[in-house]
Structures are given as structure tokens and as C-alpha cells.
Amino acid sequence: QVQLVESGGGLVQAGGSLRLSCAASGRTFSTYHMGWFRQAPGKEREFVAVVSRSGSPTYYADSVKGRFTISRDNAKNMGYLQMNSLNPEDTAVYYCAADRGLTIIPRTYAYWGQGTQVTVSS
């Protein structure tokens, strides 16, 4: 089992950057693939990025490709999402998740953090 806690969200102007962090508890974090998802008001939770348990490969949603970078540090039990060139459409609650399967489908993930709000002003 793994517990996840996100941090790093906030309010940023369009064109700005944020770095989200995901702190994982337990000694087995390195055995889980890790994903980032987001949910805007009135919308379904959507895939953002995923990184395999070893750190490679990584996959991104088309909407964030080239702007966001997912990474992890298994020695520190940490995951990250670097977000650059943010725009108002990126406003959402961002969640990190972990699962033994490498997938982009939210409902397949077993473990979730509580989420962190990202708001991008125009």
C-alpha cells in the first residue's frame, strides 16, 4: 500500500510555471507506476502524464505535451510534475496516483492523493 500527498499548487499568471510534488509513503513506491491527473469543475477527471516505476518511459496527454514534464525520484519517494507555459485551460485540481499497471485510465489506479489546486489567471 502507498499513501500520496500532493503539494505545490497555487495561483499563477498565464505563461507562468509551477512544480507539483507528490510525496509517497511506504517502502514500495518504486514498484508502482505513477500518474498525474486533473479535474476541472464540471468535468471528468482526465489523464495528464504517467511515468513508469523506473522513470522511463513517460507518456503525456496531447494537451500538455511539450509544456509539462513528469519525473520521479525513487530514492526520495517523490514524484514531480513540472508545468510550464501554463494557460487558463490548465486550471484544475491536480492529483497524483499510483498503480502496479502502466495506464492512462483514472479508474484503474488504486491509490490517490487528496489533490492540489492549480489556478491560472489570464
N, C-alpha and C. Protein backbone atom coordinates (compact mmCIF):
# COMPACT_ATOMS: atom_id res chain seq x y z
N GLN A 1 0.84 -1.18 0.00
CA GLN A 1 0.00 0.00 0.00
C GLN A 1 0.88 1.24 0.00
N VAL A 2 0.38 2.32 -0.60
CA VAL A 2 1.14 3.56 -0.65
C VAL A 2 0.18 4.73 -0.42
N GLN A 3 0.63 5.70 0.33
CA GLN A 3 -0.14 6.93 0.56
C GLN A 3 0.55 8.07 -0.16
N LEU A 4 -0.24 8.95 -0.74
CA LEU A 4 0.27 10.02 -1.59
C LEU A 4 -0.21 11.37 -1.11
N VAL A 5 0.68 12.36 -1.10
CA VAL A 5 0.32 13.72 -0.70
C VAL A 5 0.90 14.69 -1.71
N GLU A 6 0.02 15.45 -2.37
CA GLU A 6 0.47 16.43 -3.35
C GLU A 6 0.73 17.78 -2.68
N SER A 7 1.58 18.55 -3.31
CA SER A 7 1.84 19.92 -2.88
C SER A 7 2.35 20.71 -4.08
N GLY A 8 2.38 22.04 -3.92
CA GLY A 8 2.95 22.88 -4.95
C GLY A 8 1.95 23.63 -5.81
N GLY A 9 0.67 23.38 -5.59
CA GLY A 9 -0.32 24.11 -6.36
C GLY A 9 -0.41 25.57 -5.94
N GLY A 10 -1.17 26.34 -6.70
CA GLY A 10 -1.32 27.75 -6.37
C GLY A 10 -1.90 28.53 -7.52
N LEU A 11 -1.80 29.84 -7.39
CA LEU A 11 -2.29 30.77 -8.40
C LEU A 11 -1.11 31.31 -9.20
N VAL A 12 -1.22 31.25 -10.51
CA VAL A 12 -0.14 31.71 -11.38
C VAL A 12 -0.75 32.39 -12.60
N GLN A 13 -0.02 33.34 -13.14
CA GLN A 13 -0.50 34.02 -14.35
C GLN A 13 -0.23 33.17 -15.58
N ALA A 14 -1.01 33.39 -16.59
CA ALA A 14 -0.81 32.69 -17.85
C ALA A 14 0.63 32.89 -18.33
N GLY A 15 1.22 31.80 -18.81
CA GLY A 15 2.61 31.83 -19.23
C GLY A 15 3.59 31.45 -18.15
N GLY A 16 3.11 31.36 -16.92
CA GLY A 16 3.96 31.04 -15.80
C GLY A 16 4.18 29.55 -15.63
N SER A 17 4.89 29.21 -14.55
CA SER A 17 5.25 27.82 -14.27
C SER A 17 4.93 27.46 -12.83
N LEU A 18 4.70 26.18 -12.63
CA LEU A 18 4.55 25.60 -11.29
C LEU A 18 5.18 24.22 -11.31
N ARG A 19 5.64 23.81 -10.15
CA ARG A 19 6.14 22.46 -9.99
C ARG A 19 5.35 21.77 -8.89
N LEU A 20 4.63 20.74 -9.26
CA LEU A 20 3.89 19.95 -8.29
C LEU A 20 4.76 18.82 -7.78
N SER A 21 4.58 18.50 -6.51
CA SER A 21 5.29 17.38 -5.90
C SER A 21 4.28 16.39 -5.35
N CYS A 22 4.70 15.14 -5.32
CA CYS A 22 3.88 14.06 -4.77
C CYS A 22 4.76 13.24 -3.86
N ALA A 23 4.48 13.32 -2.57
CA ALA A 23 5.25 12.57 -1.58
C ALA A 23 4.55 11.26 -1.30
N ALA A 24 5.30 10.17 -1.41
CA ALA A 24 4.74 8.84 -1.22
C ALA A 24 5.28 8.23 0.07
N SER A 25 4.41 7.56 0.79
CA SER A 25 4.84 6.85 2.00
C SER A 25 5.06 5.39 1.66
N GLY A 26 5.76 4.72 2.51
CA GLY A 26 5.98 3.29 2.32
C GLY A 26 7.26 3.00 1.56
N ARG A 27 7.69 1.77 1.65
CA ARG A 27 8.95 1.37 1.04
C ARG A 27 8.81 0.81 -0.36
N THR A 28 7.56 0.76 -0.85
CA THR A 28 7.32 0.09 -2.13
C THR A 28 6.99 1.06 -3.26
N PHE A 29 7.26 2.36 -3.06
CA PHE A 29 6.91 3.33 -4.09
C PHE A 29 7.54 2.98 -5.43
N SER A 30 8.74 2.47 -5.41
CA SER A 30 9.45 2.16 -6.65
C SER A 30 8.83 1.02 -7.43
N THR A 31 7.89 0.32 -6.82
CA THR A 31 7.22 -0.78 -7.52
C THR A 31 5.93 -0.35 -8.20
N TYR A 32 5.59 0.94 -8.06
CA TYR A 32 4.37 1.47 -8.65
C TYR A 32 4.68 2.45 -9.78
N HIS A 33 3.89 2.36 -10.82
CA HIS A 33 3.89 3.42 -11.82
C HIS A 33 3.13 4.60 -11.23
N MET A 34 3.49 5.81 -11.67
CA MET A 34 2.87 7.00 -11.09
C MET A 34 2.30 7.89 -12.17
N GLY A 35 1.09 8.35 -11.94
CA GLY A 35 0.43 9.23 -12.91
C GLY A 35 -0.02 10.52 -12.27
N TRP A 36 -0.19 11.53 -13.12
CA TRP A 36 -0.83 12.79 -12.72
C TRP A 36 -2.12 12.94 -13.53
N PHE A 37 -3.16 13.35 -12.83
CA PHE A 37 -4.46 13.57 -13.44
C PHE A 37 -4.98 14.92 -12.98
N ARG A 38 -5.98 15.43 -13.66
CA ARG A 38 -6.58 16.69 -13.23
C ARG A 38 -8.08 16.67 -13.46
N GLN A 39 -8.75 17.49 -12.67
CA GLN A 39 -10.19 17.59 -12.79
C GLN A 39 -10.62 19.04 -12.62
N ALA A 40 -11.20 19.57 -13.67
CA ALA A 40 -11.74 20.93 -13.65
C ALA A 40 -13.20 20.88 -13.22
N PRO A 41 -13.74 21.98 -12.70
CA PRO A 41 -15.14 22.00 -12.27
C PRO A 41 -16.08 21.58 -13.39
N GLY A 42 -16.96 20.64 -13.08
CA GLY A 42 -17.96 20.19 -14.05
C GLY A 42 -17.43 19.24 -15.10
N LYS A 43 -16.17 18.84 -14.98
CA LYS A 43 -15.58 17.94 -15.97
C LYS A 43 -15.11 16.66 -15.30
N GLU A 44 -14.92 15.66 -16.13
CA GLU A 44 -14.41 14.39 -15.62
C GLU A 44 -12.90 14.49 -15.36
N ARG A 45 -12.44 13.63 -14.49
CA ARG A 45 -11.00 13.57 -14.24
C ARG A 45 -10.30 13.08 -15.50
N GLU A 46 -9.20 13.75 -15.86
CA GLU A 46 -8.52 13.40 -17.11
C GLU A 46 -7.04 13.13 -16.88
N PHE A 47 -6.51 12.33 -17.75
CA PHE A 47 -5.10 11.97 -17.71
C PHE A 47 -4.24 13.16 -18.10
N VAL A 48 -3.11 13.33 -17.40
CA VAL A 48 -2.14 14.37 -17.72
C VAL A 48 -0.82 13.75 -18.16
N ALA A 49 -0.26 12.89 -17.31
CA ALA A 49 1.04 12.28 -17.60
C ALA A 49 1.23 11.06 -16.72
N VAL A 50 2.09 10.15 -17.18
CA VAL A 50 2.41 8.96 -16.40
C VAL A 50 3.88 8.64 -16.60
N VAL A 51 4.49 8.12 -15.54
CA VAL A 51 5.88 7.70 -15.60
C VAL A 51 5.96 6.28 -15.04
N SER A 52 6.75 5.46 -15.69
CA SER A 52 6.87 4.08 -15.24
C SER A 52 7.65 4.01 -13.93
N ARG A 53 7.64 2.86 -13.31
CA ARG A 53 8.26 2.71 -11.99
C ARG A 53 9.75 3.02 -12.02
N SER A 54 10.40 2.81 -13.16
CA SER A 54 11.84 3.04 -13.26
C SER A 54 12.18 4.48 -13.66
N GLY A 55 11.17 5.25 -14.06
CA GLY A 55 11.40 6.61 -14.52
C GLY A 55 11.30 6.79 -16.03
N SER A 56 11.29 5.71 -16.75
CA SER A 56 11.15 5.74 -18.20
C SER A 56 10.50 4.43 -18.63
N PRO A 57 9.55 4.50 -19.54
CA PRO A 57 9.14 5.65 -20.34
C PRO A 57 8.15 6.56 -19.62
N THR A 58 7.84 7.67 -20.31
CA THR A 58 6.82 8.60 -19.85
C THR A 58 5.84 8.83 -20.99
N TYR A 59 4.60 9.19 -20.62
CA TYR A 59 3.57 9.46 -21.61
C TYR A 59 2.80 10.71 -21.16
N TYR A 60 2.34 11.46 -22.15
CA TYR A 60 1.66 12.72 -21.87
C TYR A 60 0.37 12.85 -22.67
N ALA A 61 -0.58 13.55 -22.09
CA ALA A 61 -1.75 13.96 -22.85
C ALA A 61 -1.32 14.97 -23.91
N ASP A 62 -1.99 14.95 -25.05
CA ASP A 62 -1.62 15.87 -26.13
C ASP A 62 -1.70 17.33 -25.68
N SER A 63 -2.62 17.61 -24.77
CA SER A 63 -2.84 19.00 -24.36
C SER A 63 -1.68 19.56 -23.54
N VAL A 64 -0.83 18.70 -23.00
CA VAL A 64 0.27 19.19 -22.16
C VAL A 64 1.64 18.83 -22.72
N LYS A 65 1.66 18.07 -23.79
CA LYS A 65 2.92 17.62 -24.37
C LYS A 65 3.78 18.82 -24.77
N GLY A 66 5.03 18.79 -24.38
CA GLY A 66 5.93 19.89 -24.69
C GLY A 66 5.93 21.00 -23.66
N ARG A 67 4.95 20.99 -22.76
CA ARG A 67 4.86 22.01 -21.70
C ARG A 67 5.08 21.43 -20.31
N PHE A 68 4.63 20.20 -20.10
CA PHE A 68 4.72 19.56 -18.79
C PHE A 68 5.78 18.44 -18.85
N THR A 69 6.43 18.22 -17.71
CA THR A 69 7.40 17.14 -17.59
C THR A 69 7.15 16.37 -16.30
N ILE A 70 6.96 15.08 -16.43
CA ILE A 70 6.77 14.23 -15.26
C ILE A 70 8.10 13.55 -14.93
N SER A 71 8.36 13.41 -13.64
CA SER A 71 9.59 12.74 -13.21
C SER A 71 9.36 12.14 -11.83
N ARG A 72 10.33 11.37 -11.39
CA ARG A 72 10.24 10.77 -10.06
C ARG A 72 11.64 10.54 -9.51
N ASP A 73 11.72 10.48 -8.20
CA ASP A 73 12.97 10.16 -7.51
C ASP A 73 12.65 9.06 -6.52
N ASN A 74 12.91 7.83 -6.89
CA ASN A 74 12.53 6.70 -6.04
C ASN A 74 13.30 6.68 -4.72
N ALA A 75 14.50 7.20 -4.73
CA ALA A 75 15.30 7.22 -3.50
C ALA A 75 14.66 8.13 -2.45
N LYS A 76 13.93 9.15 -2.93
CA LYS A 76 13.26 10.08 -2.02
C LYS A 76 11.77 9.82 -1.91
N ASN A 77 11.27 8.81 -2.60
CA ASN A 77 9.83 8.53 -2.62
C ASN A 77 9.03 9.75 -3.08
N MET A 78 9.51 10.38 -4.12
CA MET A 78 8.88 11.61 -4.60
C MET A 78 8.56 11.51 -6.09
N GLY A 79 7.47 12.14 -6.47
CA GLY A 79 7.11 12.33 -7.86
C GLY A 79 6.91 13.80 -8.13
N TYR A 80 7.09 14.21 -9.39
CA TYR A 80 7.02 15.63 -9.72
C TYR A 80 6.28 15.83 -11.04
N LEU A 81 5.70 17.01 -11.16
CA LEU A 81 5.13 17.45 -12.43
C LEU A 81 5.54 18.90 -12.63
N GLN A 82 6.46 19.14 -13.53
CA GLN A 82 6.88 20.49 -13.88
C GLN A 82 5.96 21.01 -14.97
N MET A 83 5.32 22.13 -14.70
CA MET A 83 4.34 22.69 -15.62
C MET A 83 4.80 24.06 -16.08
N ASN A 84 5.05 24.20 -17.38
CA ASN A 84 5.49 25.46 -17.96
C ASN A 84 4.45 25.97 -18.95
N SER A 85 4.56 27.22 -19.29
CA SER A 85 3.65 27.85 -20.27
C SER A 85 2.20 27.57 -19.93
N LEU A 86 1.87 27.77 -18.68
CA LEU A 86 0.51 27.48 -18.23
C LEU A 86 -0.50 28.43 -18.87
N ASN A 87 -1.69 27.93 -19.11
CA ASN A 87 -2.77 28.74 -19.64
C ASN A 87 -4.03 28.49 -18.81
N PRO A 88 -5.03 29.35 -18.92
CA PRO A 88 -6.23 29.19 -18.08
C PRO A 88 -6.90 27.83 -18.21
N GLU A 89 -6.75 27.18 -19.36
CA GLU A 89 -7.36 25.85 -19.55
C GLU A 89 -6.70 24.78 -18.69
N ASP A 90 -5.57 25.10 -18.09
CA ASP A 90 -4.89 24.16 -17.20
C ASP A 90 -5.42 24.24 -15.77
N THR A 91 -6.31 25.17 -15.51
CA THR A 91 -6.89 25.32 -14.17
C THR A 91 -7.68 24.07 -13.79
N ALA A 92 -7.33 23.48 -12.65
CA ALA A 92 -7.96 22.25 -12.21
C ALA A 92 -7.37 21.84 -10.86
N VAL A 93 -7.98 20.84 -10.27
CA VAL A 93 -7.34 20.15 -9.14
C VAL A 93 -6.48 19.04 -9.74
N TYR A 94 -5.23 19.00 -9.33
CA TYR A 94 -4.29 18.02 -9.84
C TYR A 94 -4.06 16.92 -8.80
N TYR A 95 -4.12 15.69 -9.27
CA TYR A 95 -3.96 14.53 -8.41
C TYR A 95 -2.79 13.66 -8.87
N CYS A 96 -2.03 13.16 -7.93
CA CYS A 96 -1.10 12.09 -8.30
C CYS A 96 -1.72 10.76 -7.89
N ALA A 97 -1.34 9.73 -8.60
CA ALA A 97 -1.91 8.40 -8.37
C ALA A 97 -0.84 7.36 -8.64
N ALA A 98 -1.03 6.20 -8.04
CA ALA A 98 -0.07 5.12 -8.20
C ALA A 98 -0.78 3.80 -8.42
N ASP A 99 -0.18 2.97 -9.25
CA ASP A 99 -0.75 1.66 -9.50
C ASP A 99 0.32 0.75 -10.06
N ARG A 100 0.09 -0.55 -9.94
CA ARG A 100 1.03 -1.53 -10.47
C ARG A 100 0.94 -1.65 -12.00
N GLY A 101 -0.16 -1.17 -12.57
CA GLY A 101 -0.32 -1.17 -14.01
C GLY A 101 0.06 0.17 -14.62
N LEU A 102 0.65 0.16 -15.79
CA LEU A 102 1.02 1.38 -16.50
C LEU A 102 -0.14 1.74 -17.43
N THR A 103 -0.93 2.71 -17.02
CA THR A 103 -2.17 3.02 -17.72
C THR A 103 -2.48 4.50 -17.64
N ILE A 104 -3.31 4.99 -18.55
CA ILE A 104 -3.72 6.38 -18.53
C ILE A 104 -5.17 6.53 -18.10
N ILE A 105 -5.79 5.45 -17.67
CA ILE A 105 -7.21 5.45 -17.32
C ILE A 105 -7.35 5.66 -15.82
N PRO A 106 -7.99 6.76 -15.41
CA PRO A 106 -8.05 7.07 -13.98
C PRO A 106 -8.63 5.96 -13.11
N ARG A 107 -9.71 5.33 -13.56
CA ARG A 107 -10.40 4.38 -12.70
C ARG A 107 -9.59 3.13 -12.43
N THR A 108 -8.50 2.94 -13.14
CA THR A 108 -7.67 1.76 -12.91
C THR A 108 -6.62 1.96 -11.82
N TYR A 109 -6.46 3.21 -11.36
CA TYR A 109 -5.45 3.49 -10.36
C TYR A 109 -5.97 3.17 -8.96
N ALA A 110 -5.15 2.49 -8.19
CA ALA A 110 -5.57 2.04 -6.86
C ALA A 110 -5.37 3.11 -5.78
N TYR A 111 -4.36 3.94 -5.92
CA TYR A 111 -4.00 4.88 -4.86
C TYR A 111 -3.98 6.31 -5.39
N TRP A 112 -4.55 7.21 -4.58
CA TRP A 112 -4.70 8.61 -4.97
C TRP A 112 -4.32 9.54 -3.83
N GLY A 113 -3.78 10.69 -4.20
CA GLY A 113 -3.60 11.75 -3.24
C GLY A 113 -4.88 12.56 -3.11
N GLN A 114 -4.83 13.58 -2.26
CA GLN A 114 -6.02 14.38 -1.99
C GLN A 114 -6.21 15.51 -3.01
N GLY A 115 -5.19 15.79 -3.79
CA GLY A 115 -5.28 16.81 -4.83
C GLY A 115 -4.72 18.15 -4.39
N THR A 116 -4.28 18.94 -5.36
CA THR A 116 -3.80 20.29 -5.11
C THR A 116 -4.34 21.19 -6.21
N GLN A 117 -4.83 22.36 -5.82
CA GLN A 117 -5.48 23.27 -6.76
C GLN A 117 -4.45 24.07 -7.54
N VAL A 118 -4.63 24.11 -8.84
CA VAL A 118 -3.84 24.96 -9.72
C VAL A 118 -4.80 25.90 -10.43
N THR A 119 -4.56 27.19 -10.28
CA THR A 119 -5.39 28.19 -10.92
C THR A 119 -4.51 29.10 -11.77
N VAL A 120 -4.85 29.20 -13.04
CA VAL A 120 -4.09 30.03 -13.97
C VAL A 120 -4.96 31.21 -14.40
N SER A 121 -4.50 32.40 -14.10
CA SER A 121 -5.27 33.59 -14.45
C SER A 121 -4.82 34.13 -15.81
N SER A 122 -5.76 34.73 -16.51
CA SER A 122 -5.44 35.27 -17.85
C SER A 122 -4.96 36.71 -17.77
